[in-house]
């Protein structure tokens, strides 16, 4: 349990005691009460808004309530001072012994430091990537893959039961285009000169191996035959080949899904009909026509068409949405609603990681999930902006193999999985990201990958030197650490809270931000020894002080290593 969670429990016990004594009304809502680091570190170690949040429903003055809480907080073990600030905020200062004990806790818990059980085993389905199976992964897909995978790791770290899912969009017209493109490459593999790839087909060289495989399997059986005879088989074989390629590319990135769900299989199973029947039974489906689209001028010809519509406006959407087209086939929304119902049947929470181009569909899918599950299952959609690839500030040329984009595999092979994963989390997912090949491998403070890994590797080197000198940090006298060194422990103690908040907010970039700040604080502490040899971590002739500082460095390395692991990044033992 983190220091913040511990003091939250202390605070709740104090509130219970005040309620039992009649000083507060019983059962005050405490959902908005927080214990967190103060914005200004000079104000103390912990801050709570309890008096500000609870005073009004308690019918009292915030400072008066703060006074009652302060009297109890001052008696808690490890509390040095409690101050009331402004209209009623409470700042708490802790004793140095608290930070020494936290240092011991980090050492004792090791890889488990930062883990928690707040998820209580609740089931979360995280769907991410889900790109159309028509070609290799590109860097736009890469960002969503990393965000989704890191989020899944975070949720597992705080006690959720996570399923990582990929939705294979293998039922749309783009799959027919893939099959036709593969048929062209099949003819090419049999010796035909196909010339320029016709407009509307996929031009990438990645389909050449697929054509070769199809030629080996079928020979000339499907040359010159009507499309209707070979389209289904070529579609099935091509999708399978593309999914094998996608799995391989994701594997290069360290991304592995638990489940792959097929849209074609979903539709064949009758799932959309079951979803429609569920909504119809709730009175949420009707036959009707949509209003004239705003894009069509009122003087232009337009005929309303009767469609099967879902009353999504009852759940905050802008308009009701068609589940079926006029010809009776399913709309994309109709199939997607059924897919989300399928996921919801084995989950308590759904999380979708989508490209920003899907922003227009968020409201309708959320409406469908709420309606289909009667609000039992919630859906959070995280939109991921595109990645701009640069080389020394200049846009990167497209890949011949892919046809019109740079592949994820090419990028990972050039700079490495860990660099790619870390950089993908250095900004909020909903903001654009520049990936400059020159900068991401730069050995400087401005490169967060290097700066964090350098801290980990620097400590690894320190520990090797300490081992050679026979130093053992396990029984170090932590009382020898000074205020600045204990300040680094204070920052390290924030890690469990950052993990929980990042997981609950579905924002894995918070881990990268925190690790950079922790690494910067460590480097600053390290660099003080450049001017004063007495401030170095290892000092000849000072085994006691060296052991204490070694224990500090070891704890910081552990926190950095744990954070990198959550990001799917392997901590560096040395940098070359």
Protein backbone atom coordinates (compact mmCIF):
# COMPACT_ATOMS: atom_id res chain seq x y z
CA UNK A 1 0.00 0.00 0.00
CA UNK A 2 1.38 3.42 -0.96
CA UNK A 3 1.98 6.23 1.52
CA UNK A 4 -0.95 8.05 -0.07
CA UNK A 5 -3.27 5.06 0.32
CA UNK A 6 -2.10 4.60 3.92
CA UNK A 7 -2.93 8.19 4.81
CA UNK A 8 -6.22 7.95 2.95
CA UNK A 9 -7.10 5.09 5.32
CA UNK A 10 -5.96 7.18 8.31
CA UNK A 11 -8.12 10.07 7.11
CA UNK A 12 -11.17 7.85 6.65
CA UNK A 13 -10.77 6.50 10.20
CA UNK A 14 -10.60 10.05 11.55
CA UNK A 15 -13.75 10.96 9.63
CA UNK A 16 -15.47 7.86 11.00
CA UNK A 17 -14.47 8.87 14.55
CA UNK A 18 -15.77 12.43 14.04
CA UNK A 19 -19.06 11.04 12.73
CA UNK A 20 -19.35 8.64 15.68
CA UNK A 21 -18.73 11.53 18.08
CA UNK A 22 -21.49 13.59 16.41
CA UNK A 23 -19.06 16.19 15.05
CA UNK A 24 -19.95 15.22 11.46
CA UNK A 25 -23.14 13.83 9.88
CA UNK A 26 -22.89 10.07 9.24
CA UNK A 27 -22.26 8.71 5.74
CA UNK A 28 -20.91 11.87 4.14
CA UNK A 29 -19.98 11.15 0.48
CA UNK A 30 -16.19 10.93 0.28
CA UNK A 31 -15.71 10.13 -3.40
CA UNK A 32 -14.02 13.46 -4.12
CA UNK A 33 -11.72 13.44 -1.08
CA UNK A 34 -8.06 13.07 -2.11
CA UNK A 35 -4.67 12.63 -0.49
CA UNK A 36 -1.96 13.60 -2.96
CA UNK A 37 1.35 15.43 -3.28
CA UNK A 38 0.96 19.20 -2.88
CA UNK A 39 1.52 21.17 -6.08
CA UNK A 40 4.35 23.02 -4.38
CA UNK A 41 6.74 20.62 -2.64
CA UNK A 42 7.67 23.34 -0.14
CA UNK A 43 4.16 23.06 1.33
CA UNK A 44 4.80 19.55 2.64
CA UNK A 45 4.72 15.90 1.68
CA UNK A 46 0.98 15.22 1.51
CA UNK A 47 -2.09 17.38 1.01
CA UNK A 48 -5.79 16.66 1.42
CA UNK A 49 -8.88 18.54 0.29
CA UNK A 50 -11.12 16.70 2.80
CA UNK A 51 -12.23 19.81 4.70
CA UNK A 52 -12.93 21.72 1.48
CA UNK A 53 -15.00 18.88 0.00
CA UNK A 54 -16.93 17.84 3.11
CA UNK A 55 -17.60 21.16 4.86
CA UNK A 56 -20.65 22.19 2.82
CA UNK A 57 -22.55 18.86 3.06
CA UNK A 58 -21.55 18.74 6.74
CA UNK A 59 -22.98 22.23 7.27
CA UNK A 60 -19.75 23.62 8.69
CA UNK A 61 -16.86 25.93 7.84
CA UNK A 62 -13.91 24.38 5.90
CA UNK A 63 -11.28 25.78 8.25
CA UNK A 64 -13.25 24.64 11.27
CA UNK A 65 -13.46 21.09 9.87
CA UNK A 66 -9.79 21.28 8.93
CA UNK A 67 -9.03 22.10 12.57
CA UNK A 68 -10.86 18.98 13.75
CA UNK A 69 -8.97 16.81 11.24
CA UNK A 70 -5.63 18.41 12.02
CA UNK A 71 -5.95 17.49 15.69
CA UNK A 72 -6.25 13.83 14.71
CA UNK A 73 -3.66 13.88 11.93
CA UNK A 74 -1.00 15.32 14.25
CA UNK A 75 -1.22 12.20 16.43
CA UNK A 76 -0.51 9.77 13.59
CA UNK A 77 2.85 7.97 13.52
CA UNK A 78 5.32 9.51 11.09
CA UNK A 79 3.65 12.93 11.09
CA UNK A 80 5.96 15.83 11.88
CA UNK A 81 3.61 18.74 11.30
CA UNK A 82 0.14 19.54 9.95
CA UNK A 83 -0.80 22.95 8.56
CA UNK A 84 -4.06 24.49 7.39
CA UNK A 85 -3.58 26.47 4.17
CA UNK A 86 -5.85 29.00 2.51
CA UNK A 87 -9.58 28.37 2.88
CA UNK A 88 -9.11 24.88 4.35
CA UNK A 89 -6.56 22.71 2.57
CA UNK A 90 -4.48 20.54 4.89
CA UNK A 91 -0.75 20.04 4.29
CA UNK A 92 1.11 17.25 6.09
CA UNK A 93 4.86 16.99 6.69
CA UNK A 94 6.31 13.58 7.45
CA UNK A 95 9.36 12.59 9.47
CA UNK A 96 12.59 11.40 7.85
CA UNK A 97 11.94 7.95 9.30
CA UNK A 98 8.96 7.58 6.95
CA UNK A 99 11.25 7.93 3.94
CA UNK A 100 13.85 5.58 5.36
CA UNK A 101 11.12 3.00 5.89
CA UNK A 102 9.89 3.55 2.33
CA UNK A 103 13.41 2.87 1.09
CA UNK A 104 13.41 -0.43 2.96
CA UNK A 105 10.00 -1.23 1.54
CA UNK A 106 11.18 -0.70 -2.05
CA UNK A 107 14.09 -3.06 -1.39
CA UNK A 108 11.85 -5.67 0.23
CA UNK A 109 9.11 -5.63 -2.42
CA UNK A 110 11.45 -5.45 -5.39
CA UNK A 111 9.60 -6.20 -8.62
CA UNK A 112 6.28 -6.06 -6.74
CA UNK A 113 6.77 -2.46 -5.64
CA UNK A 114 3.97 -0.42 -7.21
CA UNK A 115 1.59 -3.34 -7.72
CA UNK A 116 -1.84 -3.23 -6.09
CA UNK A 117 -5.21 -4.96 -6.01
CA UNK A 118 -7.55 -2.02 -6.51
CA UNK A 119 -8.91 -3.69 -9.65
CA UNK A 120 -10.29 -6.45 -7.41
CA UNK A 121 -10.29 -8.95 -10.27
CA UNK A 122 -12.84 -7.01 -12.34
CA UNK A 123 -12.73 -8.03 -16.00
CA UNK A 124 -11.49 -5.52 -18.55
CA UNK A 125 -11.43 -6.08 -22.29
CA UNK A 126 -8.85 -3.88 -24.00
CA UNK A 127 -9.26 -3.88 -27.78
CA UNK A 128 -6.41 -2.31 -29.70
CA UNK A 129 -4.75 -2.26 -33.11
CA UNK A 130 -7.67 -3.94 -34.98
CA UNK A 131 -6.33 -2.63 -38.27
CA UNK A 132 -7.81 -3.94 -41.52
CA UNK A 133 -5.96 -7.12 -42.57
CA UNK A 134 -4.91 -5.68 -45.91
CA UNK A 135 -1.20 -5.07 -45.38
CA UNK A 136 1.68 -4.76 -42.93
CA UNK A 137 1.54 -2.59 -39.84
CA UNK A 138 2.59 1.04 -40.23
CA UNK A 139 3.62 3.61 -37.63
CA UNK A 140 0.09 4.91 -37.18
CA UNK A 141 -0.92 1.43 -36.06
CA UNK A 142 2.23 1.25 -33.93
CA UNK A 143 1.19 4.01 -31.55
CA UNK A 144 -2.18 2.44 -30.82
CA UNK A 145 -0.51 -0.94 -30.35
CA UNK A 146 1.90 0.42 -27.75
CA UNK A 147 -0.74 2.47 -25.93
CA UNK A 148 -3.11 -0.51 -25.78
CA UNK A 149 -0.44 -2.97 -24.70
CA UNK A 150 0.99 -0.64 -22.03
CA UNK A 151 -2.51 0.05 -20.72
CA UNK A 152 -3.23 -3.68 -20.48
CA UNK A 153 -0.01 -4.12 -18.49
CA UNK A 154 -1.00 -1.27 -16.19
CA UNK A 155 -4.46 -2.67 -15.55
CA UNK A 156 -3.02 -6.10 -14.75
CA UNK A 157 -0.51 -4.44 -12.38
CA UNK A 158 -3.34 -3.00 -10.27
CA UNK A 159 -5.40 -6.15 -10.08
CA UNK A 160 -7.75 -6.20 -13.06
CA UNK A 161 -8.39 -9.38 -15.05
CA UNK A 162 -7.44 -8.22 -18.55
CA UNK A 163 -8.23 -9.64 -21.99
CA UNK A 164 -6.23 -8.16 -24.87
CA UNK A 165 -8.30 -8.37 -28.03
CA UNK A 166 -7.84 -7.70 -31.75
CA UNK A 167 -10.92 -7.29 -33.96
CA UNK A 168 -10.25 -8.56 -37.47
CA UNK A 169 -12.23 -6.46 -39.95
CA UNK A 170 -12.51 -9.22 -42.53
CA UNK A 171 -16.06 -8.68 -43.75
CA UNK A 172 -15.84 -5.40 -45.64
CA UNK A 173 -15.22 -4.43 -49.24
CA UNK A 174 -11.53 -3.81 -48.53
CA UNK A 175 -11.06 -7.57 -48.11
CA UNK A 176 -12.44 -8.14 -51.60
CA UNK A 177 -9.89 -5.60 -52.88
CA UNK A 178 -7.20 -7.56 -51.04
CA UNK A 179 -8.32 -10.80 -52.71
CA UNK A 180 -8.26 -9.16 -56.17
CA UNK A 181 -4.79 -7.74 -55.48
CA UNK A 182 -3.57 -11.17 -54.37
CA UNK A 183 -5.04 -12.73 -57.51
CA UNK A 184 -3.00 -10.29 -59.59
CA UNK A 185 0.17 -11.28 -57.72
CA UNK A 186 -0.82 -14.94 -58.14
CA UNK A 187 -0.87 -14.47 -61.91
CA UNK A 188 2.45 -12.66 -61.67
CA UNK A 189 3.95 -15.60 -59.77
CA UNK A 190 2.84 -17.88 -62.58
CA UNK A 191 4.86 -15.82 -65.06
CA UNK A 192 2.33 -13.29 -66.33
CA UNK A 193 3.54 -9.72 -66.94
CA UNK A 194 0.98 -7.76 -64.93
CA UNK A 195 2.42 -4.31 -65.71
CA UNK A 196 1.40 -1.39 -63.51
CA UNK A 197 -0.88 -2.20 -60.60
CA UNK A 198 -4.38 -1.01 -61.59
CA UNK A 199 -5.94 1.87 -59.67
CA UNK A 200 -7.96 0.63 -56.71
CA UNK A 201 -5.78 -2.40 -55.93
CA UNK A 202 -3.08 -2.61 -53.26
CA UNK A 203 0.30 -1.94 -54.89
CA UNK A 204 2.73 -3.03 -52.14
CA UNK A 205 5.37 -5.68 -52.74
CA UNK A 206 4.24 -7.41 -49.53
CA UNK A 207 1.63 -9.26 -51.61
CA UNK A 208 4.24 -10.95 -53.83
CA UNK A 209 4.91 -13.76 -51.31
CA UNK A 210 1.15 -14.27 -51.00
CA UNK A 211 0.88 -14.62 -54.75
CA UNK A 212 3.74 -17.14 -54.72
CA UNK A 213 2.01 -19.23 -52.05
CA UNK A 214 -1.28 -19.17 -53.95
CA UNK A 215 0.48 -20.19 -57.15
CA UNK A 216 2.09 -23.12 -55.36
CA UNK A 217 -1.26 -24.17 -53.91
CA UNK A 218 -3.51 -23.74 -56.94
CA UNK A 219 -1.23 -23.86 -59.95
CA UNK A 220 -2.99 -22.28 -62.93
CA UNK A 221 -6.43 -23.40 -61.72
CA UNK A 222 -7.77 -19.86 -61.28
CA UNK A 223 -6.16 -18.13 -64.26
CA UNK A 224 -8.78 -16.67 -66.59
CA UNK A 225 -11.67 -17.88 -64.42
CA UNK A 226 -14.57 -15.62 -63.37
CA UNK A 227 -13.99 -13.69 -60.16
CA UNK A 228 -17.04 -15.19 -58.51
CA UNK A 229 -15.37 -18.61 -58.61
CA UNK A 230 -12.10 -17.69 -56.89
CA UNK A 231 -12.87 -14.58 -54.82
CA UNK A 232 -13.97 -16.37 -51.64
CA UNK A 233 -10.93 -18.68 -51.51
CA UNK A 234 -8.48 -15.88 -52.28
CA UNK A 235 -10.10 -13.69 -49.66
CA UNK A 236 -9.73 -16.38 -46.99
CA UNK A 237 -6.11 -17.20 -47.89
CA UNK A 238 -5.09 -13.55 -48.21
CA UNK A 239 -6.58 -12.52 -44.87
CA UNK A 240 -4.83 -15.45 -43.18
CA UNK A 241 -1.51 -14.42 -44.75
CA UNK A 242 -1.97 -10.78 -43.74
CA UNK A 243 -2.87 -11.71 -40.17
CA UNK A 244 0.26 -13.86 -39.97
CA UNK A 245 2.28 -10.84 -41.16
CA UNK A 246 0.54 -8.54 -38.67
CA UNK A 247 1.15 -10.94 -35.77
CA UNK A 248 4.80 -11.13 -36.74
CA UNK A 249 5.16 -7.35 -36.88
CA UNK A 250 3.37 -6.92 -33.56
CA UNK A 251 5.69 -9.53 -32.10
CA UNK A 252 8.68 -7.41 -33.12
CA UNK A 253 7.14 -4.70 -30.96
CA UNK A 254 6.54 -7.09 -28.06
CA UNK A 255 2.76 -6.97 -28.51
CA UNK A 256 0.75 -10.17 -28.17
CA UNK A 257 -3.05 -10.42 -28.01
CA UNK A 258 -5.06 -12.97 -26.06
CA UNK A 259 -7.88 -13.12 -28.55
CA UNK A 260 -8.56 -12.43 -32.24
CA UNK A 261 -12.22 -11.97 -33.17
CA UNK A 262 -13.38 -12.13 -36.78
CA UNK A 263 -16.04 -9.78 -38.08
CA UNK A 264 -16.97 -12.30 -40.78
CA UNK A 265 -17.45 -15.05 -38.19
CA UNK A 266 -19.43 -12.66 -36.00
CA UNK A 267 -21.87 -11.94 -38.79
CA UNK A 268 -22.11 -15.59 -39.81
CA UNK A 269 -22.97 -16.54 -36.21
CA UNK A 270 -26.07 -14.35 -36.20
CA UNK A 271 -24.70 -12.05 -33.48
CA UNK A 272 -26.00 -8.86 -35.16
CA UNK A 273 -29.53 -10.31 -35.25
CA UNK A 274 -29.30 -11.10 -31.53
CA UNK A 275 -28.12 -7.56 -30.77
CA UNK A 276 -30.95 -6.13 -32.86
CA UNK A 277 -33.52 -8.33 -31.13
CA UNK A 278 -32.16 -7.23 -27.73
CA UNK A 279 -32.60 -3.58 -28.63
CA UNK A 280 -35.98 -4.16 -30.22
CA UNK A 281 -37.22 -5.84 -27.05
CA UNK A 282 -36.26 -2.69 -25.15
CA UNK A 283 -38.25 -0.51 -27.58
CA UNK A 284 -35.04 1.04 -28.93
CA UNK A 285 -35.40 0.05 -32.61
CA UNK A 286 -37.82 1.34 -35.20
CA UNK A 287 -38.27 1.56 -38.96
CA UNK A 288 -37.87 5.11 -40.22
CA UNK A 289 -35.93 7.54 -42.37
CA UNK A 290 -33.05 9.78 -41.42
CA UNK A 291 -33.25 13.53 -41.89
CA UNK A 292 -31.79 15.09 -45.02
CA UNK A 293 -27.98 15.21 -44.59
CA UNK A 294 -26.67 18.72 -44.07
CA UNK A 295 -24.23 18.14 -46.91
CA UNK A 296 -27.13 17.91 -49.38
CA UNK A 297 -28.65 21.23 -50.38
CA UNK A 298 -32.40 21.52 -49.86
CA UNK A 299 -32.84 22.21 -53.59
CA UNK A 300 -31.02 19.04 -54.62
CA UNK A 301 -32.86 15.82 -55.27
CA UNK A 302 -33.00 13.59 -52.23
CA UNK A 303 -35.29 10.69 -51.38
CA UNK A 304 -35.67 9.50 -47.77
CA UNK A 305 -35.06 5.76 -47.41
CA UNK A 306 -36.68 3.61 -44.73
CA UNK A 307 -34.07 2.01 -42.51
CA UNK A 308 -33.86 0.00 -39.28
CA UNK A 309 -32.79 2.64 -36.75
CA UNK A 310 -31.47 2.48 -33.19
CA UNK A 311 -32.66 5.25 -30.85
CA UNK A 312 -29.14 6.34 -29.95
CA UNK A 313 -30.31 9.91 -29.27
CA UNK A 314 -31.79 8.59 -26.02
CA UNK A 315 -28.19 8.02 -24.90
CA UNK A 316 -26.63 11.32 -25.92
CA UNK A 317 -25.92 10.72 -29.61
CA UNK A 318 -26.55 13.41 -32.22
CA UNK A 319 -29.01 11.33 -34.24
CA UNK A 320 -30.49 7.87 -34.40
CA UNK A 321 -28.27 5.39 -36.20
CA UNK A 322 -29.12 2.81 -38.90
CA UNK A 323 -28.31 -0.78 -38.03
CA UNK A 324 -29.32 -2.10 -41.42
CA UNK A 325 -29.07 -0.68 -44.91
CA UNK A 326 -32.06 -0.41 -47.23
CA UNK A 327 -31.04 -3.69 -48.91
CA UNK A 328 -31.19 -5.49 -45.56
CA UNK A 329 -27.44 -5.87 -45.08
CA UNK A 330 -25.80 -4.77 -41.85
CA UNK A 331 -24.28 -1.36 -41.51
CA UNK A 332 -20.82 -1.14 -39.97
CA UNK A 333 -22.48 0.22 -36.83
CA UNK A 334 -24.91 -2.71 -36.68
CA UNK A 335 -22.07 -5.24 -36.80
CA UNK A 336 -19.97 -3.18 -34.38
CA UNK A 337 -22.81 -3.00 -31.86
CA UNK A 338 -23.06 -6.78 -31.96
CA UNK A 339 -19.32 -7.13 -31.49
CA UNK A 340 -19.39 -4.91 -28.41
CA UNK A 341 -22.25 -6.93 -26.97
CA UNK A 342 -20.15 -10.05 -27.52
CA UNK A 343 -17.25 -8.49 -25.63
CA UNK A 344 -19.50 -7.21 -22.87
CA UNK A 345 -20.83 -10.70 -22.16
CA UNK A 346 -17.48 -11.58 -20.57
CA UNK A 347 -16.31 -8.20 -19.26
CA UNK A 348 -17.16 -5.57 -16.67
CA UNK A 349 -15.36 -2.77 -18.53
CA UNK A 350 -14.50 -2.20 -22.18
CA UNK A 351 -11.64 -0.07 -23.46
CA UNK A 352 -11.12 0.66 -27.16
CA UNK A 353 -7.92 2.18 -28.54
CA UNK A 354 -8.92 3.79 -31.84
CA UNK A 355 -7.32 6.05 -34.39
CA UNK A 356 -8.44 9.68 -34.25
CA UNK A 357 -10.28 9.21 -37.57
CA UNK A 358 -12.88 7.15 -35.67
CA UNK A 359 -13.88 10.03 -33.39
CA UNK A 360 -17.25 10.40 -35.09
CA UNK A 361 -18.36 6.91 -34.08
CA UNK A 362 -17.61 7.15 -30.36
CA UNK A 363 -21.01 8.47 -29.21
CA UNK A 364 -23.03 5.87 -31.11
CA UNK A 365 -20.96 2.92 -29.87
CA UNK A 366 -21.10 4.16 -26.28
CA UNK A 367 -24.87 4.53 -26.68
CA UNK A 368 -25.14 0.97 -28.00
CA UNK A 369 -23.09 -0.51 -25.15
CA UNK A 370 -25.15 1.31 -22.53
CA UNK A 371 -28.41 0.21 -24.14
CA UNK A 372 -27.39 -3.40 -24.75
CA UNK A 373 -26.02 -3.92 -21.24
CA UNK A 374 -28.47 -1.70 -19.32
CA UNK A 375 -25.46 0.27 -18.15
CA UNK A 376 -23.80 -2.75 -16.52
CA UNK A 377 -20.69 -2.40 -18.71
CA UNK A 378 -18.94 0.89 -19.37
CA UNK A 379 -16.94 1.74 -22.49
CA UNK A 380 -13.96 4.09 -22.63
CA UNK A 381 -12.60 5.02 -26.04
CA UNK A 382 -9.06 6.39 -26.26
CA UNK A 383 -8.33 8.16 -29.54
CA UNK A 384 -4.77 8.01 -30.81
CA UNK A 385 -3.35 10.68 -33.09
CA UNK A 386 -1.03 9.92 -35.98
CA UNK A 387 2.76 9.75 -35.88
CA UNK A 388 4.87 11.89 -38.19
CA UNK A 389 8.12 10.18 -39.18
CA UNK A 390 11.13 12.44 -39.60
CA UNK A 391 14.82 12.02 -40.24
CA UNK A 392 16.80 14.99 -38.91
CA UNK A 393 13.67 17.09 -39.24
CA UNK A 394 12.77 16.01 -42.78
CA UNK A 395 9.76 13.78 -43.61
CA UNK A 396 10.72 10.16 -44.24
CA UNK A 397 10.15 8.70 -47.69
CA UNK A 398 7.58 5.98 -48.13
CA UNK A 399 8.42 2.28 -48.21
CA UNK A 400 8.48 0.45 -51.54
CA UNK A 401 7.57 -2.76 -49.78
CA UNK A 402 4.45 -1.27 -48.22
CA UNK A 403 3.49 0.79 -51.26
CA UNK A 404 2.40 3.99 -49.54
CA UNK A 405 3.71 4.04 -45.95
CA UNK A 406 6.65 3.18 -43.70
CA UNK A 407 6.24 -0.18 -42.00
CA UNK A 408 6.44 -0.73 -38.27
CA UNK A 409 8.87 -3.60 -38.87
CA UNK A 410 11.34 -1.35 -40.71
CA UNK A 411 11.30 1.19 -37.87
CA UNK A 412 11.73 -1.42 -35.12
CA UNK A 413 14.63 -3.04 -36.99
CA UNK A 414 16.38 0.32 -37.31
CA UNK A 415 16.06 1.74 -33.77
CA UNK A 416 14.89 -1.19 -31.65
CA UNK A 417 11.67 -2.20 -29.91
CA UNK A 418 12.42 -0.40 -26.65
CA UNK A 419 13.07 2.96 -28.28
CA UNK A 420 9.87 2.73 -30.32
CA UNK A 421 7.73 1.73 -27.35
CA UNK A 422 9.10 4.42 -25.05
CA UNK A 423 8.74 7.23 -27.61
CA UNK A 424 5.13 6.23 -28.34
CA UNK A 425 4.34 7.01 -24.67
CA UNK A 426 6.15 10.34 -24.37
CA UNK A 427 3.01 12.30 -25.24
CA UNK A 428 -0.68 11.97 -24.51
CA UNK A 429 -2.22 9.60 -27.04
CA UNK A 430 -4.65 12.27 -28.27
CA UNK A 431 -1.87 14.69 -29.34
CA UNK A 432 0.24 14.39 -32.52
CA UNK A 433 3.67 12.82 -32.15
CA UNK A 434 6.87 13.42 -34.12
CA UNK A 435 9.21 10.43 -34.36
CA UNK A 436 12.60 11.65 -35.56
CA UNK A 437 15.02 8.81 -36.25
CA UNK A 438 17.97 11.06 -35.40
CA UNK A 439 16.60 12.34 -32.09
CA UNK A 440 15.27 9.06 -30.68
CA UNK A 441 18.79 7.58 -30.59
CA UNK A 442 20.49 10.79 -29.44
CA UNK A 443 22.50 10.54 -26.21
CA UNK A 444 21.14 13.67 -24.54
CA UNK A 445 18.81 14.90 -21.83
CA UNK A 446 16.39 15.93 -24.57
CA UNK A 447 15.90 12.28 -25.53
CA UNK A 448 13.70 10.78 -22.78
CA UNK A 449 14.51 7.20 -23.80
CA UNK A 450 18.23 7.76 -23.33
CA UNK A 451 17.82 9.87 -20.19
CA UNK A 452 15.76 7.27 -18.32
CA UNK A 453 17.78 4.30 -19.55
CA UNK A 454 21.01 6.16 -18.69
CA UNK A 455 19.86 6.47 -15.07
CA UNK A 456 19.19 2.73 -14.90
CA UNK A 457 22.49 1.85 -16.59
CA UNK A 458 24.42 4.33 -14.45
CA UNK A 459 23.16 2.64 -11.30
CA UNK A 460 23.97 -0.79 -12.75
CA UNK A 461 27.55 0.38 -13.27
CA UNK A 462 27.61 1.77 -9.72
CA UNK A 463 26.48 -1.57 -8.32
CA UNK A 464 29.15 -3.45 -10.26
CA UNK A 465 31.83 -1.17 -8.79
CA UNK A 466 30.34 -1.56 -5.32
CA UNK A 467 30.40 -5.35 -5.67
CA UNK A 468 34.07 -5.20 -6.63
CA UNK A 469 34.72 -3.11 -3.50
CA UNK A 470 32.81 -5.60 -1.33
CA UNK A 471 30.09 -3.11 -0.38
CA UNK A 472 26.73 -4.49 0.82
CA UNK A 473 23.72 -2.20 0.93
CA UNK A 474 21.39 -4.66 2.65
CA UNK A 475 22.40 -3.60 6.17
CA UNK A 476 23.14 0.05 5.41
CA UNK A 477 22.58 2.74 8.03
CA UNK A 478 19.96 4.85 6.24
CA UNK A 479 20.28 7.48 8.95
CA UNK A 480 23.38 8.68 7.08
CA UNK A 481 21.30 9.93 4.14
CA UNK A 482 20.84 13.70 3.99
CA UNK A 483 17.70 15.72 3.26
CA UNK A 484 18.37 15.93 -0.49
CA UNK A 485 18.83 12.18 -0.71
CA UNK A 486 15.65 11.53 1.25
CA UNK A 487 13.93 13.93 -1.14
CA UNK A 488 14.70 11.46 -3.93
CA UNK A 489 13.05 8.72 -1.85
CA UNK A 490 10.02 10.99 -1.49
CA UNK A 491 9.75 11.21 -5.29
CA UNK A 492 10.21 7.45 -5.61
CA UNK A 493 7.35 6.92 -3.16
CA UNK A 494 4.98 8.54 -5.66
CA UNK A 495 5.40 5.59 -8.03
CA UNK A 496 2.60 3.32 -6.66
CA UNK A 497 0.18 6.25 -6.78
CA UNK A 498 1.22 7.11 -10.35
CA UNK A 499 0.66 3.50 -11.41
CA UNK A 500 -2.84 3.41 -9.92
CA UNK A 501 -3.85 6.79 -11.32
CA UNK A 502 -2.46 5.96 -14.78
CA UNK A 503 -4.33 2.66 -14.81
CA UNK A 504 -7.66 4.12 -13.66
CA UNK A 505 -7.40 7.05 -16.08
CA UNK A 506 -6.32 4.70 -18.91
CA UNK A 507 -3.30 6.94 -19.56
CA UNK A 508 -0.07 4.92 -19.73
CA UNK A 509 1.93 7.99 -20.81
CA UNK A 510 1.89 9.06 -17.16
CA UNK A 511 4.48 6.36 -16.42
CA UNK A 512 6.88 7.77 -19.02
CA UNK A 513 6.43 11.29 -17.65
CA UNK A 514 7.09 10.12 -14.09
CA UNK A 515 10.16 8.08 -15.01
CA UNK A 516 11.70 11.07 -16.77
CA UNK A 517 11.18 13.22 -13.66
CA UNK A 518 12.64 10.51 -11.40
CA UNK A 519 15.63 10.02 -13.70
CA UNK A 520 16.23 13.79 -13.82
CA UNK A 521 16.22 13.98 -10.01
CA UNK A 522 18.65 11.07 -9.78
CA UNK A 523 21.01 12.58 -12.35
CA UNK A 524 20.95 15.88 -10.45
CA UNK A 525 21.91 14.07 -7.24
CA UNK A 526 24.64 12.17 -9.06
CA UNK A 527 26.07 15.28 -10.67
CA UNK A 528 26.65 17.00 -7.34
CA UNK A 529 29.63 14.68 -6.96
CA UNK A 530 31.28 16.24 -10.01
CA UNK A 531 32.16 19.33 -7.99
CA UNK A 532 32.39 17.79 -4.53
CA UNK A 533 33.94 14.29 -4.22
CA UNK A 534 32.32 13.98 -0.79
CA UNK A 535 28.90 13.96 -2.47
CA UNK A 536 29.62 10.97 -4.68
CA UNK A 537 27.71 7.75 -4.23
CA UNK A 538 30.83 5.69 -3.58
CA UNK A 539 33.54 7.30 -1.43
CA UNK A 540 36.78 5.54 -0.68
CA UNK A 541 37.26 5.21 3.06
CA UNK A 542 33.55 5.84 3.79
CA UNK A 543 31.96 2.36 3.59
CA UNK A 544 28.99 3.25 5.80
CA UNK A 545 27.96 6.33 3.83
CA UNK A 546 28.69 4.57 0.53
CA UNK A 547 26.46 1.64 1.54
CA UNK A 548 23.61 4.00 2.44
CA UNK A 549 23.86 5.82 -0.88
CA UNK A 550 24.13 2.49 -2.68
CA UNK A 551 20.86 1.42 -1.04
CA UNK A 552 19.28 4.65 -2.28
CA UNK A 553 20.56 4.12 -5.83
CA UNK A 554 19.40 0.51 -5.82
CA UNK A 555 15.86 1.59 -4.86
CA UNK A 556 15.74 4.20 -7.61
CA UNK A 557 16.93 1.63 -10.13
CA UNK A 558 14.21 -0.75 -8.96
CA UNK A 559 11.48 1.86 -9.42
CA UNK A 560 12.78 2.81 -12.87
CA UNK A 561 13.03 -0.86 -13.83
CA UNK A 562 9.49 -1.57 -12.66
CA UNK A 563 8.17 1.42 -14.60
CA UNK A 564 9.99 0.42 -17.78
CA UNK A 565 8.62 -3.08 -17.44
CA UNK A 566 5.07 -1.71 -17.33
CA UNK A 567 5.84 0.14 -20.55
CA UNK A 568 7.11 -3.07 -22.14
CA UNK A 569 10.65 -1.67 -22.27
CA UNK A 570 13.67 -3.70 -21.18
CA UNK A 571 15.81 -1.76 -18.66
CA UNK A 572 19.36 -1.12 -19.87
CA UNK A 573 22.25 -2.50 -17.82
CA UNK A 574 24.74 -0.54 -19.88
CA UNK A 575 24.65 1.87 -22.79
CA UNK A 576 27.07 1.58 -25.69
